[in-house]
Amino acid sequence: MGIRIVEMDERGRITLPSEIRRLLRGKVFEVKLVDPNTVILRIASRSDVIREIESIKLTGDPRRKGGDASKAKHRYGGEKV
């Protein structure tokens, strides 16, 4: 396989060479920046993804958590189509 040189585009995307993509056995990856010159890409396990989602703290207005869509429709002039 060896080492391949790739470039980052203006939107910050890096494309892995096709021969590397064919060998990968996953579609979700964990990216770790070790230092400004070293990036580690590893296939994320299902438990890694679940743990990441569970760690998300949702915030918002507690008064709106039990909102009624029909009341909001009337309040903001929604029309039945």
PDB file of N, CA and C in Angstrom:
ATOM      1  N   MET A   1       0.839  -1.192   0.000  1.00  0.00           N
ATOM      2  CA  MET A   1       0.000   0.000   0.000  1.00  0.00           C
ATOM      3  C   MET A   1       0.874   1.243   0.000  1.00  0.00           C
ATOM      4  N   GLY A   2       1.717   1.403   0.974  1.00  0.00           N
ATOM      5  CA  GLY A   2       2.613   2.539   0.981  1.00  0.00           C
ATOM      6  C   GLY A   2       1.976   3.827   1.462  1.00  0.00           C
ATOM      7  N   ILE A   3       2.673   4.903   1.239  1.00  0.00           N
ATOM      8  CA  ILE A   3       2.224   6.228   1.660  1.00  0.00           C
ATOM      9  C   ILE A   3       1.717   6.973   0.442  1.00  0.00           C
ATOM     10  N   ARG A   4       0.611   7.664   0.600  1.00  0.00           N
ATOM     11  CA  ARG A   4       0.041   8.480  -0.475  1.00  0.00           C
ATOM     12  C   ARG A   4      -0.006   9.932  -0.001  1.00  0.00           C
ATOM     13  N   ILE A   5       0.192  10.848  -0.898  1.00  0.00           N
ATOM     14  CA  ILE A   5       0.082  12.280  -0.614  1.00  0.00           C
ATOM     15  C   ILE A   5      -1.298  12.737  -1.094  1.00  0.00           C
ATOM     16  N   VAL A   6      -2.044  13.384  -0.210  1.00  0.00           N
ATOM     17  CA  VAL A   6      -3.360  13.904  -0.568  1.00  0.00           C
ATOM     18  C   VAL A   6      -3.400  15.382  -0.195  1.00  0.00           C
ATOM     19  N   GLU A   7      -4.349  16.107  -0.777  1.00  0.00           N
ATOM     20  CA  GLU A   7      -4.484  17.534  -0.495  1.00  0.00           C
ATOM     21  C   GLU A   7      -5.841  17.824   0.128  1.00  0.00           C
ATOM     22  N   MET A   8      -5.883  18.907   0.889  1.00  0.00           N
ATOM     23  CA  MET A   8      -7.124  19.382   1.465  1.00  0.00           C
ATOM     24  C   MET A   8      -7.669  20.466   0.535  1.00  0.00           C
ATOM     25  N   ASP A   9      -8.966  20.388   0.198  1.00  0.00           N
ATOM     26  CA  ASP A   9      -9.541  21.407  -0.683  1.00  0.00           C
ATOM     27  C   ASP A   9      -9.913  22.660   0.113  1.00  0.00           C
ATOM     28  N   GLU A  10     -10.466  23.645  -0.578  1.00  0.00           N
ATOM     29  CA  GLU A  10     -10.768  24.930   0.061  1.00  0.00           C
ATOM     30  C   GLU A  10     -11.856  24.825   1.116  1.00  0.00           C
ATOM     31  N   ARG A  11     -12.618  23.721   1.108  1.00  0.00           N
ATOM     32  CA  ARG A  11     -13.654  23.518   2.124  1.00  0.00           C
ATOM     33  C   ARG A  11     -13.178  22.628   3.263  1.00  0.00           C
ATOM     34  N   GLY A  12     -11.892  22.276   3.269  1.00  0.00           N
ATOM     35  CA  GLY A  12     -11.326  21.485   4.354  1.00  0.00           C
ATOM     36  C   GLY A  12     -11.505  19.989   4.199  1.00  0.00           C
ATOM     37  N   ARG A  13     -11.871  19.527   3.007  1.00  0.00           N
ATOM     38  CA  ARG A  13     -12.103  18.099   2.789  1.00  0.00           C
ATOM     39  C   ARG A  13     -10.840  17.424   2.274  1.00  0.00           C
ATOM     40  N   ILE A  14     -10.640  16.201   2.730  1.00  0.00           N
ATOM     41  CA  ILE A  14      -9.529  15.375   2.268  1.00  0.00           C
ATOM     42  C   ILE A  14     -10.134  14.115   1.672  1.00  0.00           C
ATOM     43  N   THR A  15      -9.746  13.786   0.455  1.00  0.00           N
ATOM     44  CA  THR A  15     -10.254  12.585  -0.203  1.00  0.00           C
ATOM     45  C   THR A  15      -9.215  11.481  -0.079  1.00  0.00           C
ATOM     46  N   LEU A  16      -9.653  10.340   0.450  1.00  0.00           N
ATOM     47  CA  LEU A  16      -8.760   9.195   0.542  1.00  0.00           C
ATOM     48  C   LEU A  16      -8.641   8.555  -0.834  1.00  0.00           C
ATOM     49  N   PRO A  17      -7.449   8.093  -1.196  1.00  0.00           N
ATOM     50  CA  PRO A  17      -7.284   7.425  -2.486  1.00  0.00           C
ATOM     51  C   PRO A  17      -8.197   6.201  -2.594  1.00  0.00           C
ATOM     52  N   SER A  18      -8.644   5.908  -3.819  1.00  0.00           N
ATOM     53  CA  SER A  18      -9.609   4.821  -4.034  1.00  0.00           C
ATOM     54  C   SER A  18      -9.089   3.472  -3.548  1.00  0.00           C
ATOM     55  N   GLU A  19      -7.795   3.202  -3.703  1.00  0.00           N
ATOM     56  CA  GLU A  19      -7.274   1.899  -3.258  1.00  0.00           C
ATOM     57  C   GLU A  19      -7.358   1.762  -1.741  1.00  0.00           C
ATOM     58  N   ILE A  20      -7.276   2.864  -1.017  1.00  0.00           N
ATOM     59  CA  ILE A  20      -7.445   2.820   0.448  1.00  0.00           C
ATOM     60  C   ILE A  20      -8.920   2.671   0.795  1.00  0.00           C
ATOM     61  N   ARG A  21      -9.799   3.425   0.110  1.00  0.00           N
ATOM     62  CA  ARG A  21     -11.240   3.333   0.384  1.00  0.00           C
ATOM     63  C   ARG A  21     -11.755   1.911   0.160  1.00  0.00           C
ATOM     64  N   ARG A  22     -11.249   1.237  -0.862  1.00  0.00           N
ATOM     65  CA  ARG A  22     -11.698  -0.140  -1.133  1.00  0.00           C
ATOM     66  C   ARG A  22     -11.339  -1.093   0.000  1.00  0.00           C
ATOM     67  N   LEU A  23     -10.251  -0.824   0.691  1.00  0.00           N
ATOM     68  CA  LEU A  23      -9.801  -1.707   1.772  1.00  0.00           C
ATOM     69  C   LEU A  23     -10.491  -1.431   3.108  1.00  0.00           C
ATOM     70  N   LEU A  24     -11.067  -0.247   3.255  1.00  0.00           N
ATOM     71  CA  LEU A  24     -11.714   0.103   4.520  1.00  0.00           C
ATOM     72  C   LEU A  24     -12.988  -0.701   4.723  1.00  0.00           C
ATOM     73  N   ARG A  25     -13.257  -1.066   5.971  1.00  0.00           N
ATOM     74  CA  ARG A  25     -14.437  -1.872   6.294  1.00  0.00           C
ATOM     75  C   ARG A  25     -15.465  -1.082   7.086  1.00  0.00           C
ATOM     76  N   GLY A  26     -15.488   0.206   6.939  1.00  0.00           N
ATOM     77  CA  GLY A  26     -16.447   1.020   7.674  1.00  0.00           C
ATOM     78  C   GLY A  26     -16.756   2.284   6.914  1.00  0.00           C
ATOM     79  N   LYS A  27     -17.787   2.974   7.382  1.00  0.00           N
ATOM     80  CA  LYS A  27     -18.173   4.246   6.768  1.00  0.00           C
ATOM     81  C   LYS A  27     -18.184   5.388   7.774  1.00  0.00           C
ATOM     82  N   VAL A  28     -18.072   5.064   9.060  1.00  0.00           N
ATOM     83  CA  VAL A  28     -18.042   6.081  10.111  1.00  0.00           C
ATOM     84  C   VAL A  28     -16.685   5.966  10.796  1.00  0.00           C
ATOM     85  N   PHE A  29     -16.001   7.110  10.921  1.00  0.00           N
ATOM     86  CA  PHE A  29     -14.644   7.100  11.439  1.00  0.00           C
ATOM     87  C   PHE A  29     -14.475   8.073  12.580  1.00  0.00           C
ATOM     88  N   GLU A  30     -13.550   7.748  13.438  1.00  0.00           N
ATOM     89  CA  GLU A  30     -13.145   8.641  14.516  1.00  0.00           C
ATOM     90  C   GLU A  30     -11.850   9.303  14.046  1.00  0.00           C
ATOM     91  N   VAL A  31     -11.797  10.610  14.117  1.00  0.00           N
ATOM     92  CA  VAL A  31     -10.611  11.349  13.704  1.00  0.00           C
ATOM     93  C   VAL A  31      -9.996  11.980  14.939  1.00  0.00           C
ATOM     94  N   LYS A  32      -8.710  11.724  15.138  1.00  0.00           N
ATOM     95  CA  LYS A  32      -8.022  12.253  16.313  1.00  0.00           C
ATOM     96  C   LYS A  32      -6.810  13.052  15.849  1.00  0.00           C
ATOM     97  N   LEU A  33      -6.745  14.298  16.290  1.00  0.00           N
ATOM     98  CA  LEU A  33      -5.596  15.151  16.000  1.00  0.00           C
ATOM     99  C   LEU A  33      -4.601  14.971  17.130  1.00  0.00           C
ATOM    100  N   VAL A  34      -3.499  14.279  16.836  1.00  0.00           N
ATOM    101  CA  VAL A  34      -2.478  14.010  17.849  1.00  0.00           C
ATOM    102  C   VAL A  34      -1.629  15.256  18.081  1.00  0.00           C
ATOM    103  N   ASP A  35      -1.221  15.883  17.012  1.00  0.00           N
ATOM    104  CA  ASP A  35      -0.509  17.158  17.042  1.00  0.00           C
ATOM    105  C   ASP A  35      -0.758  17.810  15.684  1.00  0.00           C
ATOM    106  N   PRO A  36      -0.290  19.033  15.445  1.00  0.00           N
ATOM    107  CA  PRO A  36      -0.598  19.710  14.181  1.00  0.00           C
ATOM    108  C   PRO A  36      -0.128  18.961  12.933  1.00  0.00           C
ATOM    109  N   ASN A  37       0.736  17.978  13.070  1.00  0.00           N
ATOM    110  CA  ASN A  37       1.247  17.233  11.920  1.00  0.00           C
ATOM    111  C   ASN A  37       0.776  15.792  11.851  1.00  0.00           C
ATOM    112  N   THR A  38      -0.035  15.337  12.826  1.00  0.00           N
ATOM    113  CA  THR A  38      -0.425  13.929  12.878  1.00  0.00           C
ATOM    114  C   THR A  38      -1.913  13.791  13.117  1.00  0.00           C
ATOM    115  N   VAL A  39      -2.581  13.091  12.199  1.00  0.00           N
ATOM    116  CA  VAL A  39      -4.005  12.803  12.316  1.00  0.00           C
ATOM    117  C   VAL A  39      -4.171  11.297  12.281  1.00  0.00           C
ATOM    118  N   ILE A  40      -4.976  10.765  13.197  1.00  0.00           N
ATOM    119  CA  ILE A  40      -5.272   9.333  13.216  1.00  0.00           C
ATOM    120  C   ILE A  40      -6.719   9.149  12.809  1.00  0.00           C
ATOM    121  N   LEU A  41      -6.933   8.269  11.841  1.00  0.00           N
ATOM    122  CA  LEU A  41      -8.275   7.946  11.361  1.00  0.00           C
ATOM    123  C   LEU A  41      -8.529   6.487  11.710  1.00  0.00           C
ATOM    124  N   ARG A  42      -9.589   6.240  12.479  1.00  0.00           N
ATOM    125  CA  ARG A  42      -9.885   4.860  12.857  1.00  0.00           C
ATOM    126  C   ARG A  42     -11.372   4.622  12.675  1.00  0.00           C
ATOM    127  N   ILE A  43     -11.716   3.398  12.310  1.00  0.00           N
ATOM    128  CA  ILE A  43     -13.121   3.050  12.120  1.00  0.00           C
ATOM    129  C   ILE A  43     -13.806   3.082  13.484  1.00  0.00           C
ATOM    130  N   ALA A  44     -14.893   3.832  13.576  1.00  0.00           N
ATOM    131  CA  ALA A  44     -15.637   3.960  14.827  1.00  0.00           C
ATOM    132  C   ALA A  44     -16.549   2.753  14.993  1.00  0.00           C
ATOM    133  N   SER A  45     -16.569   2.220  16.188  1.00  0.00           N
ATOM    134  CA  SER A  45     -17.472   1.107  16.468  1.00  0.00           C
ATOM    135  C   SER A  45     -18.872   1.657  16.719  1.00  0.00           C
ATOM    136  N   ARG A  46     -19.842   0.789  16.638  1.00  0.00           N
ATOM    137  CA  ARG A  46     -21.221   1.195  16.897  1.00  0.00           C
ATOM    138  C   ARG A  46     -21.363   1.788  18.294  1.00  0.00           C
ATOM    139  N   SER A  47     -20.661   1.204  19.265  1.00  0.00           N
ATOM    140  CA  SER A  47     -20.754   1.723  20.638  1.00  0.00           C
ATOM    141  C   SER A  47     -20.136   3.118  20.744  1.00  0.00           C
ATOM    142  N   ASP A  48     -19.083   3.403  19.945  1.00  0.00           N
ATOM    143  CA  ASP A  48     -18.504   4.750  19.933  1.00  0.00           C
ATOM    144  C   ASP A  48     -19.534   5.768  19.454  1.00  0.00           C
ATOM    145  N   VAL A  49     -20.256   5.420  18.390  1.00  0.00           N
ATOM    146  CA  VAL A  49     -21.253   6.331  17.825  1.00  0.00           C
ATOM    147  C   VAL A  49     -22.388   6.549  18.820  1.00  0.00           C
ATOM    148  N   ILE A  50     -22.860   5.478  19.450  1.00  0.00           N
ATOM    149  CA  ILE A  50     -23.947   5.589  20.428  1.00  0.00           C
ATOM    150  C   ILE A  50     -23.513   6.441  21.613  1.00  0.00           C
ATOM    151  N   ARG A  51     -22.293   6.214  22.095  1.00  0.00           N
ATOM    152  CA  ARG A  51     -21.777   7.000  23.228  1.00  0.00           C
ATOM    153  C   ARG A  51     -21.703   8.485  22.856  1.00  0.00           C
ATOM    154  N   GLU A  52     -21.284   8.799  21.634  1.00  0.00           N
ATOM    155  CA  GLU A  52     -21.203  10.189  21.188  1.00  0.00           C
ATOM    156  C   GLU A  52     -22.587  10.830  21.141  1.00  0.00           C
ATOM    157  N   ILE A  53     -23.573  10.107  20.625  1.00  0.00           N
ATOM    158  CA  ILE A  53     -24.936  10.642  20.551  1.00  0.00           C
ATOM    159  C   ILE A  53     -25.506  10.841  21.948  1.00  0.00           C
ATOM    160  N   GLU A  54     -25.287   9.876  22.840  1.00  0.00           N
ATOM    161  CA  GLU A  54     -25.814   9.988  24.198  1.00  0.00           C
ATOM    162  C   GLU A  54     -25.178  11.135  24.983  1.00  0.00           C
ATOM    163  N   SER A  55     -23.971  11.551  24.582  1.00  0.00           N
ATOM    164  CA  SER A  55     -23.299  12.622  25.311  1.00  0.00           C
ATOM    165  C   SER A  55     -23.814  14.009  24.922  1.00  0.00           C
ATOM    166  N   ILE A  56     -24.637  14.089  23.886  1.00  0.00           N
ATOM    167  CA  ILE A  56     -25.162  15.377  23.434  1.00  0.00           C
ATOM    168  C   ILE A  56     -26.165  15.900  24.467  1.00  0.00           C
ATOM    169  N   LYS A  57     -25.942  17.090  24.924  1.00  0.00           N
ATOM    170  CA  LYS A  57     -26.845  17.719  25.890  1.00  0.00           C
ATOM    171  C   LYS A  57     -27.766  18.671  25.136  1.00  0.00           C
ATOM    172  N   LEU A  58     -29.035  18.337  25.085  1.00  0.00           N
ATOM    173  CA  LEU A  58     -30.000  19.182  24.398  1.00  0.00           C
ATOM    174  C   LEU A  58     -30.461  20.286  25.340  1.00  0.00           C
ATOM    175  N   THR A  59     -30.532  21.487  24.820  1.00  0.00           N
ATOM    176  CA  THR A  59     -30.988  22.610  25.615  1.00  0.00           C
ATOM    177  C   THR A  59     -32.087  23.331  24.854  1.00  0.00           C
ATOM    178  N   GLY A  60     -32.865  24.054  25.560  1.00  0.00           N
ATOM    179  CA  GLY A  60     -33.937  24.811  24.932  1.00  0.00           C
ATOM    180  C   GLY A  60     -34.820  25.437  25.999  1.00  0.00           C
ATOM    181  N   ASP A  61     -35.867  26.055  25.548  1.00  0.00           N
ATOM    182  CA  ASP A  61     -36.805  26.724  26.425  1.00  0.00           C
ATOM    183  C   ASP A  61     -37.716  25.667  27.056  1.00  0.00           C
ATOM    184  N   PRO A  62     -37.645  25.450  28.381  1.00  0.00           N
ATOM    185  CA  PRO A  62     -38.457  24.411  29.013  1.00  0.00           C
ATOM    186  C   PRO A  62     -39.957  24.655  28.864  1.00  0.00           C
ATOM    187  N   ARG A  63     -40.360  25.903  28.633  1.00  0.00           N
ATOM    188  CA  ARG A  63     -41.794  26.194  28.460  1.00  0.00           C
ATOM    189  C   ARG A  63     -42.317  25.632  27.138  1.00  0.00           C
ATOM    190  N   ARG A  64     -41.442  25.352  26.208  1.00  0.00           N
ATOM    191  CA  ARG A  64     -41.878  24.888  24.893  1.00  0.00           C
ATOM    192  C   ARG A  64     -41.761  23.381  24.713  1.00  0.00           C
ATOM    193  N   LYS A  65     -41.304  22.660  25.714  1.00  0.00           N
ATOM    194  CA  LYS A  65     -41.057  21.237  25.537  1.00  0.00           C
ATOM    195  C   LYS A  65     -42.330  20.438  25.308  1.00  0.00           C
ATOM    196  N   GLY A  66     -43.456  20.912  25.761  1.00  0.00           N
ATOM    197  CA  GLY A  66     -44.710  20.192  25.567  1.00  0.00           C
ATOM    198  C   GLY A  66     -45.655  20.956  24.666  1.00  0.00           C
ATOM    199  N   GLY A  67     -45.121  21.608  23.663  1.00  0.00           N
ATOM    200  CA  GLY A  67     -45.935  22.450  22.797  1.00  0.00           C
ATOM    201  C   GLY A  67     -46.984  21.673  22.017  1.00  0.00           C
ATOM    202  N   ASP A  68     -48.068  22.341  21.720  1.00  0.00           N
ATOM    203  CA  ASP A  68     -49.163  21.765  20.957  1.00  0.00           C
ATOM    204  C   ASP A  68     -49.139  22.378  19.559  1.00  0.00           C
ATOM    205  N   ALA A  69     -48.932  21.560  18.547  1.00  0.00           N
ATOM    206  CA  ALA A  69     -48.803  22.057  17.181  1.00  0.00           C
ATOM    207  C   ALA A  69     -50.062  22.773  16.713  1.00  0.00           C
ATOM    208  N   SER A  70     -51.233  22.303  17.125  1.00  0.00           N
ATOM    209  CA  SER A  70     -52.464  22.948  16.664  1.00  0.00           C
ATOM    210  C   SER A  70     -52.598  24.363  17.236  1.00  0.00           C
ATOM    211  N   LYS A  71     -52.161  24.577  18.490  1.00  0.00           N
ATOM    212  CA  LYS A  71     -52.198  25.920  19.072  1.00  0.00           C
ATOM    213  C   LYS A  71     -51.212  26.833  18.361  1.00  0.00           C
ATOM    214  N   ALA A  72     -50.039  26.324  18.036  1.00  0.00           N
ATOM    215  CA  ALA A  72     -49.037  27.136  17.332  1.00  0.00           C
ATOM    216  C   ALA A  72     -49.537  27.501  15.944  1.00  0.00           C
ATOM    217  N   LYS A  73     -50.220  26.584  15.291  1.00  0.00           N
ATOM    218  CA  LYS A  73     -50.761  26.852  13.956  1.00  0.00           C
ATOM    219  C   LYS A  73     -51.731  28.027  14.006  1.00  0.00           C
ATOM    220  N   HIS A  74     -52.617  28.035  14.982  1.00  0.00           N
ATOM    221  CA  HIS A  74     -53.592  29.116  15.089  1.00  0.00           C
ATOM    222  C   HIS A  74     -52.926  30.429  15.499  1.00  0.00           C
ATOM    223  N   ARG A  75     -51.960  30.344  16.393  1.00  0.00           N
ATOM    224  CA  ARG A  75     -51.284  31.547  16.871  1.00  0.00           C
ATOM    225  C   ARG A  75     -50.526  32.251  15.747  1.00  0.00           C
ATOM    226  N   TYR A  76     -49.901  31.473  14.866  1.00  0.00           N
ATOM    227  CA  TYR A  76     -49.062  32.067  13.829  1.00  0.00           C
ATOM    228  C   TYR A  76     -49.734  32.094  12.455  1.00  0.00           C
ATOM    229  N   GLY A  77     -51.028  31.875  12.412  1.00  0.00           N
ATOM    230  CA  GLY A  77     -51.774  32.040  11.174  1.00  0.00           C
ATOM    231  C   GLY A  77     -51.601  30.923  10.165  1.00  0.00           C
ATOM    232  N   GLY A  78     -51.354  29.730  10.653  1.00  0.00           N
ATOM    233  CA  GLY A  78     -51.218  28.607   9.725  1.00  0.00           C
ATOM    234  C   GLY A  78     -52.547  28.275   9.069  1.00  0.00           C
ATOM    235  N   GLU A  79     -52.491  27.821   7.844  1.00  0.00           N
ATOM    236  CA  GLU A  79     -53.700  27.468   7.113  1.00  0.00           C
ATOM    237  C   GLU A  79     -53.665  26.009   6.733  1.00  0.00           C
ATOM    238  N   LYS A  80     -54.807  25.400   6.710  1.00  0.00           N
ATOM    239  CA  LYS A  80     -54.920  24.015   6.303  1.00  0.00           C
ATOM    240  C   LYS A  80     -54.838  23.962   4.778  1.00  0.00           C
ATOM    241  N   VAL A  81     -53.977  23.109   4.261  1.00  0.00           N
ATOM    242  CA  VAL A  81     -53.836  22.996   2.802  1.00  0.00           C
ATOM    243  C   VAL A  81     -54.207  21.618   2.316  1.00  0.00           C
TER     244      VAL A  81
END
